[in-house]
Structures are given as C-alpha cells and as structure tokens.
N, C-alpha and C. Protein backbone atom coordinates (compact mmCIF):
# COMPACT_ATOMS: atom_id res chain seq x y z
N UNK A 1 31.16 8.88 -29.43
CA UNK A 1 32.23 8.87 -30.53
C UNK A 1 32.16 7.71 -31.66
N UNK A 2 31.54 7.97 -32.80
CA UNK A 2 31.98 6.85 -33.88
C UNK A 2 33.92 6.21 -33.88
N UNK A 3 33.40 5.14 -34.38
CA UNK A 3 34.65 4.22 -34.79
C UNK A 3 34.81 4.69 -36.41
N UNK A 4 35.99 4.35 -36.73
CA UNK A 4 36.73 4.38 -38.21
C UNK A 4 36.67 2.73 -38.54
N UNK A 5 35.94 2.94 -39.71
CA UNK A 5 35.86 1.02 -39.77
C UNK A 5 36.59 0.95 -40.23
N UNK A 6 38.01 0.98 -40.55
CA UNK A 6 39.55 0.32 -41.31
C UNK A 6 40.24 0.75 -40.04
N UNK A 7 40.42 1.39 -39.60
CA UNK A 7 41.33 1.13 -38.49
C UNK A 7 40.95 1.16 -37.11
N UNK A 8 39.54 1.55 -36.87
CA UNK A 8 38.81 0.97 -35.83
C UNK A 8 39.25 1.92 -34.46
N UNK A 9 39.50 3.21 -34.81
CA UNK A 9 39.58 4.12 -34.11
C UNK A 9 38.90 5.00 -33.87
N UNK A 10 38.77 5.81 -32.35
CA UNK A 10 38.22 7.00 -32.33
C UNK A 10 37.88 8.25 -32.58
N UNK A 11 37.02 8.45 -33.60
CA UNK A 11 37.09 9.74 -34.47
C UNK A 11 35.90 10.39 -34.37
N UNK A 12 36.11 11.85 -34.60
CA UNK A 12 34.94 12.68 -34.76
C UNK A 12 33.93 12.07 -35.54
N UNK A 13 32.80 12.92 -35.44
CA UNK A 13 31.78 13.32 -36.54
C UNK A 13 32.05 13.68 -37.41
N UNK A 14 32.97 14.92 -37.29
CA UNK A 14 33.23 15.86 -38.17
C UNK A 14 34.33 15.45 -39.66
N UNK A 15 35.08 14.29 -39.17
CA UNK A 15 36.10 13.43 -40.18
C UNK A 15 35.47 12.47 -40.67
N UNK A 16 33.92 12.81 -41.43
CA UNK A 16 33.39 12.00 -42.20
C UNK A 16 34.01 11.52 -43.37
N UNK A 17 34.81 12.79 -44.15
CA UNK A 17 35.32 12.85 -45.19
C UNK A 17 36.64 11.65 -45.28
N UNK A 18 37.45 12.03 -44.00
CA UNK A 18 38.63 11.29 -44.00
C UNK A 18 39.15 11.63 -43.22
N UNK A 19 39.73 10.12 -42.38
CA UNK A 19 40.27 9.11 -40.83
C UNK A 19 41.42 10.10 -41.16
N UNK A 20 41.73 10.98 -39.64
CA UNK A 20 43.09 11.86 -39.36
C UNK A 20 43.67 10.66 -39.30
N UNK A 21 43.75 9.05 -39.12
CA UNK A 21 44.94 8.71 -38.60
C UNK A 21 45.16 7.66 -40.01
N UNK A 22 44.18 7.18 -40.42
CA UNK A 22 44.74 6.18 -41.53
C UNK A 22 44.30 6.54 -42.95
N UNK A 23 44.10 7.53 -42.93
CA UNK A 23 43.65 8.13 -44.12
C UNK A 23 42.61 7.80 -45.46
N UNK A 24 41.58 7.19 -44.92
CA UNK A 24 40.66 6.08 -45.49
C UNK A 24 39.70 7.20 -45.61
N UNK A 25 39.16 7.47 -46.99
CA UNK A 25 38.00 7.98 -47.42
C UNK A 25 36.69 7.67 -46.79
N UNK A 26 36.01 8.35 -46.74
CA UNK A 26 35.20 7.64 -46.05
C UNK A 26 34.75 6.89 -44.37
N UNK A 27 35.36 7.43 -43.90
CA UNK A 27 35.59 6.32 -42.26
C UNK A 27 34.41 5.96 -41.64
N UNK A 28 33.24 6.87 -42.25
CA UNK A 28 31.93 6.44 -41.28
C UNK A 28 30.90 6.07 -42.05
N UNK A 29 31.00 5.69 -43.33
CA UNK A 29 30.42 4.57 -44.30
C UNK A 29 29.98 3.75 -43.56
N UNK A 30 28.49 3.40 -43.51
CA UNK A 30 27.64 2.33 -42.97
C UNK A 30 28.22 2.04 -41.43
N UNK A 31 27.70 3.58 -40.94
CA UNK A 31 28.35 3.04 -39.31
C UNK A 31 27.31 4.13 -39.02
N UNK A 32 26.40 3.56 -38.03
CA UNK A 32 24.83 4.43 -37.34
C UNK A 32 26.08 5.56 -36.11
N UNK A 33 25.27 6.40 -36.62
CA UNK A 33 25.50 8.03 -35.96
C UNK A 33 24.44 7.86 -34.77
N UNK A 34 23.72 7.10 -34.72
CA UNK A 34 22.64 7.20 -34.21
C UNK A 34 22.89 7.42 -32.07
N UNK A 35 22.78 8.36 -31.21
CA UNK A 35 22.66 8.45 -29.89
C UNK A 35 21.90 7.59 -29.07
N UNK A 36 22.41 6.44 -27.82
CA UNK A 36 21.71 5.64 -27.27
C UNK A 36 20.97 6.80 -26.12
N UNK A 37 19.69 6.91 -25.75
CA UNK A 37 19.43 7.06 -24.77
C UNK A 37 20.10 6.51 -23.14
N UNK A 38 20.71 7.11 -22.74
CA UNK A 38 21.30 6.07 -21.40
C UNK A 38 20.19 6.50 -20.02
N UNK A 39 19.67 7.28 -20.07
CA UNK A 39 18.97 7.86 -18.92
C UNK A 39 17.52 6.56 -19.44
N UNK A 40 16.92 6.26 -20.43
CA UNK A 40 15.86 4.86 -20.08
C UNK A 40 16.25 4.34 -19.83
N UNK A 41 17.69 3.78 -20.17
CA UNK A 41 18.19 2.32 -19.80
C UNK A 41 18.64 2.19 -18.44
N UNK A 42 19.12 3.52 -17.45
CA UNK A 42 19.41 3.53 -16.49
C UNK A 42 18.28 3.73 -15.70
N UNK A 43 17.01 4.40 -16.39
CA UNK A 43 15.84 4.42 -15.54
C UNK A 43 15.04 3.27 -15.59
N UNK A 44 15.37 2.42 -16.06
CA UNK A 44 14.54 0.85 -16.25
C UNK A 44 15.14 0.14 -15.00
N UNK A 45 16.21 0.35 -14.90
CA UNK A 45 17.32 -0.54 -13.95
C UNK A 45 17.23 0.03 -12.78
N UNK A 46 16.40 1.40 -12.24
CA UNK A 46 16.54 1.98 -10.67
C UNK A 46 14.82 1.67 -10.32
N UNK A 47 13.96 1.25 -11.16
CA UNK A 47 12.71 1.78 -11.05
C UNK A 47 12.33 0.48 -9.81
N UNK A 48 11.43 0.42 -8.93
CA UNK A 48 11.25 -0.49 -8.23
C UNK A 48 10.43 -1.50 -8.76
N UNK A 49 10.48 -2.59 -8.49
CA UNK A 49 9.45 -3.88 -8.76
C UNK A 49 8.75 -3.96 -8.08
N UNK A 50 8.35 -3.37 -6.94
CA UNK A 50 7.32 -4.07 -5.86
C UNK A 50 6.94 -2.01 -5.47
N UNK A 51 5.66 -2.46 -5.28
CA UNK A 51 4.71 -1.06 -4.19
C UNK A 51 4.75 -0.78 -3.34
N UNK A 52 5.74 -0.24 -2.27
CA UNK A 52 5.92 -0.04 -0.80
C UNK A 52 4.50 -0.12 -0.36
N UNK A 53 4.55 -0.53 0.34
CA UNK A 53 2.83 0.22 1.59
C UNK A 53 3.36 0.34 2.34
N UNK A 54 2.53 0.97 3.12
CA UNK A 54 2.63 1.98 4.44
C UNK A 54 2.36 1.30 5.39
N UNK A 55 3.45 0.50 6.28
CA UNK A 55 2.88 -0.48 7.67
C UNK A 55 1.81 0.22 8.83
N UNK A 56 1.03 -0.45 8.70
CA UNK A 56 -0.22 0.34 10.01
C UNK A 56 0.39 -0.28 11.21
N UNK A 57 0.76 0.75 12.26
CA UNK A 57 0.60 0.73 13.59
C UNK A 57 -0.52 -0.15 14.42
N UNK A 58 -0.03 -0.85 15.09
CA UNK A 58 -0.99 -2.11 16.16
C UNK A 58 -1.59 -1.27 17.03
N UNK A 59 -0.64 -0.44 17.65
CA UNK A 59 -1.76 0.78 19.09
C UNK A 59 -2.70 1.68 18.49
N UNK A 60 -2.12 2.28 17.11
CA UNK A 60 -3.50 2.87 16.55
C UNK A 60 -4.91 1.99 16.22
N UNK A 61 -4.50 0.67 15.74
CA UNK A 61 -5.65 0.49 15.61
C UNK A 61 -6.55 -0.25 16.96
N UNK A 62 -5.59 -0.37 17.82
CA UNK A 62 -5.73 -0.44 19.55
C UNK A 62 -6.76 0.37 19.89
N UNK A 63 -6.57 1.46 19.37
CA UNK A 63 -7.10 2.29 20.27
C UNK A 63 -8.16 3.22 19.55
N UNK A 64 -8.56 2.77 18.37
CA UNK A 64 -9.45 2.88 17.50
C UNK A 64 -10.83 2.07 17.77
N UNK A 65 -10.07 0.47 18.04
CA UNK A 65 -10.69 -0.15 18.50
C UNK A 65 -11.72 -0.22 19.61
N UNK A 66 -10.97 0.44 21.11
CA UNK A 66 -11.30 0.44 21.98
C UNK A 66 -12.69 1.84 22.13
N UNK A 67 -12.03 2.96 21.46
CA UNK A 67 -12.86 3.89 21.62
C UNK A 67 -14.34 3.69 20.90
N UNK A 68 -13.82 3.30 19.29
CA UNK A 68 -14.79 3.84 18.25
C UNK A 68 -15.47 2.29 17.65
N UNK A 69 -14.52 1.10 18.61
CA UNK A 69 -15.07 -0.31 17.53
C UNK A 69 -15.85 -0.98 16.95
N UNK A 70 -17.36 -0.15 18.34
CA UNK A 70 -18.74 -0.68 17.68
C UNK A 70 -19.24 0.25 16.16
N UNK A 71 -18.36 1.16 15.69
CA UNK A 71 -18.58 1.50 14.19
C UNK A 71 -17.89 1.03 13.01
N UNK A 72 -16.54 0.11 13.78
CA UNK A 72 -16.05 -0.36 13.06
C UNK A 72 -14.36 0.48 12.70
N UNK A 73 -14.49 1.13 12.60
CA UNK A 73 -13.22 2.22 11.93
C UNK A 73 -11.84 1.70 12.28
N UNK A 74 -11.38 0.62 13.36
CA UNK A 74 -10.33 0.18 13.25
C UNK A 74 -10.29 -0.31 11.75
N UNK A 75 -11.67 -1.35 11.67
CA UNK A 75 -10.95 -2.44 10.63
C UNK A 75 -11.01 -1.78 8.95
N UNK A 76 -11.76 -0.50 9.36
CA UNK A 76 -11.45 0.45 7.92
C UNK A 76 -9.67 0.85 8.20
N UNK A 77 -9.26 0.62 9.10
CA UNK A 77 -8.00 1.65 9.22
C UNK A 77 -6.90 0.53 8.97
N UNK A 78 -7.31 -0.84 8.94
CA UNK A 78 -6.29 -1.98 8.52
C UNK A 78 -6.63 -2.53 7.84
N UNK A 79 -7.60 -1.65 6.44
CA UNK A 79 -8.06 -1.82 4.73
C UNK A 79 -8.43 -3.52 5.30
N UNK A 80 -9.39 -3.67 5.94
CA UNK A 80 -10.70 -4.88 6.11
C UNK A 80 -12.23 -4.04 5.96
N UNK A 81 -12.79 -3.48 5.14
CA UNK A 81 -13.80 -2.94 4.52
C UNK A 81 -15.08 -4.00 5.19
N UNK A 82 -14.80 -4.91 4.71
CA UNK A 82 -16.04 -5.91 4.72
C UNK A 82 -16.27 -5.91 5.77
N UNK A 83 -15.34 -6.21 7.08
CA UNK A 83 -15.27 -6.40 8.71
C UNK A 83 -15.90 -5.51 9.00
N UNK A 84 -15.46 -4.08 8.49
CA UNK A 84 -15.66 -3.25 9.67
C UNK A 84 -17.86 -2.59 9.00
N UNK A 85 -18.07 -2.97 7.92
CA UNK A 85 -19.05 -2.53 7.94
C UNK A 85 -19.78 -3.88 8.87
N UNK A 86 -19.27 -5.18 9.19
CA UNK A 86 -19.93 -6.29 9.60
C UNK A 86 -19.83 -5.74 11.54
N UNK A 87 -19.18 -5.21 11.50
CA UNK A 87 -18.81 -4.66 12.69
C UNK A 87 -20.44 -3.42 12.91
N UNK A 88 -20.32 -2.56 11.93
CA UNK A 88 -21.43 -1.83 12.22
C UNK A 88 -22.69 -2.13 12.28
N UNK A 89 -23.08 -3.02 11.57
CA UNK A 89 -24.76 -3.80 11.59
C UNK A 89 -24.37 -4.67 12.47
N UNK A 90 -23.97 -4.93 12.81
CA UNK A 90 -23.56 -5.59 14.25
C UNK A 90 -24.44 -4.84 15.49
N UNK A 91 -23.30 -3.51 15.47
CA UNK A 91 -23.59 -2.71 16.62
C UNK A 91 -25.37 -2.11 16.23
N UNK A 92 -25.38 -2.01 14.99
CA UNK A 92 -26.57 -1.25 15.07
C UNK A 92 -28.06 -1.97 15.60
N UNK A 93 -27.97 -3.57 15.10
CA UNK A 93 -29.16 -4.29 15.67
C UNK A 93 -28.86 -5.07 16.71
N UNK A 94 -27.58 -4.99 17.31
CA UNK A 94 -27.36 -5.91 18.83
C UNK A 94 -27.74 -4.39 19.54
N UNK A 95 -28.02 -3.23 19.67
CA UNK A 95 -27.79 -1.78 20.56
C UNK A 95 -29.47 -1.52 19.84
N UNK A 96 -29.87 -1.35 18.79
CA UNK A 96 -31.14 -0.74 18.58
C UNK A 96 -32.07 -1.93 18.51
N UNK A 97 -31.83 -2.76 17.93
CA UNK A 97 -33.02 -4.03 17.90
C UNK A 97 -32.43 -4.64 19.17
N UNK A 98 -31.54 -5.21 19.62
CA UNK A 98 -31.41 -5.39 20.80
C UNK A 98 -32.56 -5.06 22.56
N UNK A 99 -31.82 -3.87 22.19
CA UNK A 99 -32.60 -2.70 23.30
C UNK A 99 -33.87 -2.88 23.18
N UNK A 100 -34.21 -2.43 21.55
CA UNK A 100 -35.76 -2.21 21.58
C UNK A 100 -36.82 -3.80 22.12
N UNK A 101 -35.98 -4.85 22.16
CA UNK A 101 -36.52 -5.93 22.29
C UNK A 101 -36.89 -6.02 23.61
N UNK A 102 -35.70 -5.72 24.42
CA UNK A 102 -35.67 -5.96 25.79
C UNK A 102 -36.71 -4.57 26.23
N UNK A 103 -36.98 -3.57 25.36
CA UNK A 103 -37.28 -2.61 26.18
C UNK A 103 -38.87 -2.81 26.56
N UNK A 104 -39.31 -3.26 24.96
CA UNK A 104 -40.72 -4.14 24.85
C UNK A 104 -41.25 -5.13 25.32
N UNK A 105 -40.41 -5.94 25.73
CA UNK A 105 -40.78 -7.16 26.63
C UNK A 105 -40.24 -7.49 27.64
N UNK A 106 -39.10 -7.07 28.21
CA UNK A 106 -38.44 -7.85 29.35
C UNK A 106 -38.21 -6.31 30.53
N UNK A 107 -37.79 -5.11 30.13
CA UNK A 107 -36.95 -4.25 30.88
C UNK A 107 -37.44 -3.13 29.95
N UNK A 108 -38.48 -2.39 30.58
CA UNK A 108 -39.17 -1.31 29.92
C UNK A 108 -38.90 0.11 30.55
N UNK A 109 -37.35 0.10 31.32
CA UNK A 109 -36.46 1.29 31.31
C UNK A 109 -35.49 1.45 30.34
N UNK A 110 -34.45 2.32 31.02
CA UNK A 110 -33.28 2.70 30.10
C UNK A 110 -32.02 1.36 30.06
N UNK A 111 -32.10 0.52 31.11
CA UNK A 111 -31.23 -0.41 31.38
C UNK A 111 -31.13 -1.16 29.65
N UNK A 112 -32.78 -1.53 29.21
CA UNK A 112 -32.86 -2.20 28.10
C UNK A 112 -31.96 -1.64 27.23
N UNK A 113 -31.58 -0.57 26.89
CA UNK A 113 -30.68 -0.14 25.97
C UNK A 113 -29.08 -0.27 26.45
N UNK A 114 -28.89 0.10 28.02
CA UNK A 114 -27.39 -0.15 28.01
C UNK A 114 -27.24 -1.58 28.15
N UNK A 115 -27.98 -2.14 28.69
CA UNK A 115 -27.25 -4.02 28.57
C UNK A 115 -26.68 -4.18 26.95
N UNK A 116 -27.35 -4.09 26.26
CA UNK A 116 -26.01 -3.73 24.79
C UNK A 116 -25.19 -3.56 24.69
N UNK A 117 -25.39 -2.31 25.41
CA UNK A 117 -23.85 -0.97 25.12
C UNK A 117 -23.44 -1.96 26.20
N UNK A 118 -23.06 -2.23 27.65
CA UNK A 118 -22.33 -3.16 28.00
C UNK A 118 -21.50 -4.04 27.29
N UNK A 119 -22.34 -5.07 26.66
CA UNK A 119 -21.70 -6.12 25.76
C UNK A 119 -20.94 -5.55 24.61
N UNK A 120 -21.63 -4.55 23.80
CA UNK A 120 -20.53 -4.02 23.35
C UNK A 120 -19.19 -3.48 23.33
N UNK A 121 -19.25 -2.78 24.61
CA UNK A 121 -17.89 -2.33 24.81
C UNK A 121 -17.12 -3.46 25.51
N UNK A 122 -17.41 -4.78 26.44
CA UNK A 122 -16.79 -5.60 26.38
C UNK A 122 -16.30 -6.82 25.01
N UNK A 123 -16.96 -6.78 23.99
CA UNK A 123 -16.40 -6.92 23.04
C UNK A 123 -15.54 -6.18 22.25
N UNK A 124 -15.53 -4.93 22.13
CA UNK A 124 -14.42 -4.07 21.71
C UNK A 124 -13.53 -4.24 22.57
N UNK A 125 -13.17 -4.18 23.68
CA UNK A 125 -12.09 -4.38 24.62
C UNK A 125 -11.34 -5.84 24.25
N UNK A 126 -12.35 -6.92 24.03
CA UNK A 126 -11.36 -8.24 23.51
C UNK A 126 -10.53 -8.15 22.27
N UNK A 127 -11.63 -7.20 20.83
CA UNK A 127 -10.72 -7.09 19.63
C UNK A 127 -9.80 -5.93 19.84
N UNK A 128 -9.83 -5.27 20.78
CA UNK A 128 -8.40 -4.19 21.24
C UNK A 128 -7.29 -4.68 21.40
N UNK A 129 -7.57 -5.55 22.18
CA UNK A 129 -6.43 -6.55 23.13
C UNK A 129 -6.07 -7.63 21.81
N UNK A 130 -6.94 -7.78 21.15
CA UNK A 130 -6.46 -8.94 20.01
C UNK A 130 -5.33 -8.33 19.08
N UNK A 131 -5.65 -6.90 19.12
CA UNK A 131 -4.62 -6.29 17.41
C UNK A 131 -2.95 -5.44 18.28
N UNK A 132 -3.08 -5.51 19.77
CA UNK A 132 -1.98 -5.69 20.43
C UNK A 132 -0.95 -6.98 20.97
N UNK A 133 -1.64 -8.37 19.63
CA UNK A 133 -0.85 -9.83 20.27
C UNK A 133 0.26 -9.60 19.31
N UNK A 134 1.05 -10.72 19.18
CA UNK A 134 1.96 -10.68 18.28
C UNK A 134 1.98 -10.19 16.67
N UNK A 135 1.17 -11.22 16.06
CA UNK A 135 1.30 -11.69 14.84
C UNK A 135 0.17 -11.19 14.27
N UNK A 136 -0.31 -10.04 13.94
CA UNK A 136 -1.28 -9.29 13.45
C UNK A 136 -1.17 -8.39 11.85
N UNK A 137 -1.86 -8.92 10.76
CA UNK A 137 -1.94 -8.48 9.50
C UNK A 137 -2.91 -7.56 9.32
N UNK A 138 -2.60 -6.81 8.67
CA UNK A 138 -3.77 -5.99 7.89
C UNK A 138 -3.88 -6.59 6.64
N UNK A 139 -5.31 -5.81 5.87
CA UNK A 139 -5.84 -6.39 4.60
C UNK A 139 -4.72 -6.79 3.82
N UNK A 140 -3.88 -6.58 3.73
CA UNK A 140 -2.77 -6.55 2.53
C UNK A 140 -1.76 -7.43 2.85
N UNK A 141 -2.46 -8.29 3.95
CA UNK A 141 -1.07 -9.02 4.29
C UNK A 141 -0.19 -9.11 5.12
N UNK A 142 0.05 -7.46 5.61
CA UNK A 142 1.58 -7.20 5.42
C UNK A 142 1.57 -6.63 7.44
N UNK A 143 2.32 -7.39 7.91
CA UNK A 143 2.88 -7.43 9.23
C UNK A 143 2.37 -5.86 10.08
N UNK A 144 1.68 -5.74 11.02
CA UNK A 144 1.40 -4.15 11.34
C UNK A 144 2.81 -4.41 12.92
N UNK A 145 3.08 -3.20 12.80
CA UNK A 145 4.30 -2.58 13.80
C UNK A 145 3.41 -2.35 15.05
C-alpha cells in the first residue's frame, strides 16, 4: 500500500484523487506504485552458495579394488580417472606383456600368465586395505565416509 505524500498515512490506490485522512488533492503524485518482487529477493537469500557433493563410501571403494582393481574401477568410482587408466594399462602390460615374455623365454606353461596375475592380486589387496585407512580423500578432495 502506498503512503500519502502529505500525512504519510497508508492509503489505498483507489484514493489517488483525494486523501481520506488529510484531504489533500492527488496524494499519490510523484509516488512510485510499482510492486517489489519479494520472491526474487527471498530466493536469492535461500539459494545455496556451495555445490553439494555426494560423499563416496570407503567400503564400496575397497570392494571394487579387491574384486576389479586391475581394471581400475575403484579409481573411477572415487573420481580419479587418470589413476584408473594407469591401473588398466599396468594390468594389461603386466599380465599380457609380462606373461608373454615369461612364456616365450623362461616358463613355457600356464604359470607364465598366472605369476603376473598373482602379483596383481597382491597389489589389489594392498590398495584395498589402503581404502580402509583413516583419512582417504576422493578426487574432489572430500573425505570418504
């Protein structure tokens, strides 16, 4: 509701010809009758300033590392794609390349490929236990729960 320019009392917009309280003519002359969009003001105050991120679970990362650690799926889960690709390439070169090298040089049997797999499994268990430590952060730098 607008105010009268003379007596400063609240008057209706319909009383734009004469103020019902003081009787002055055109009490709303030079008075802005625009309404304020209060929802925009309140909405700006309520809007969060930070982006909320979903916290990753250490148990899930440890299980992924123990089961599919050679593929690097646990690293992709904790938002570290470069590390995940590194795990994948190391597994391919260790099992494929190292096993082939052992097969054609030293040990021409199935054990040539099983030896790198055993090394890979030991490596996976080591990294799975690392996820169960106290302060483990994901790729965003947020502590995992």
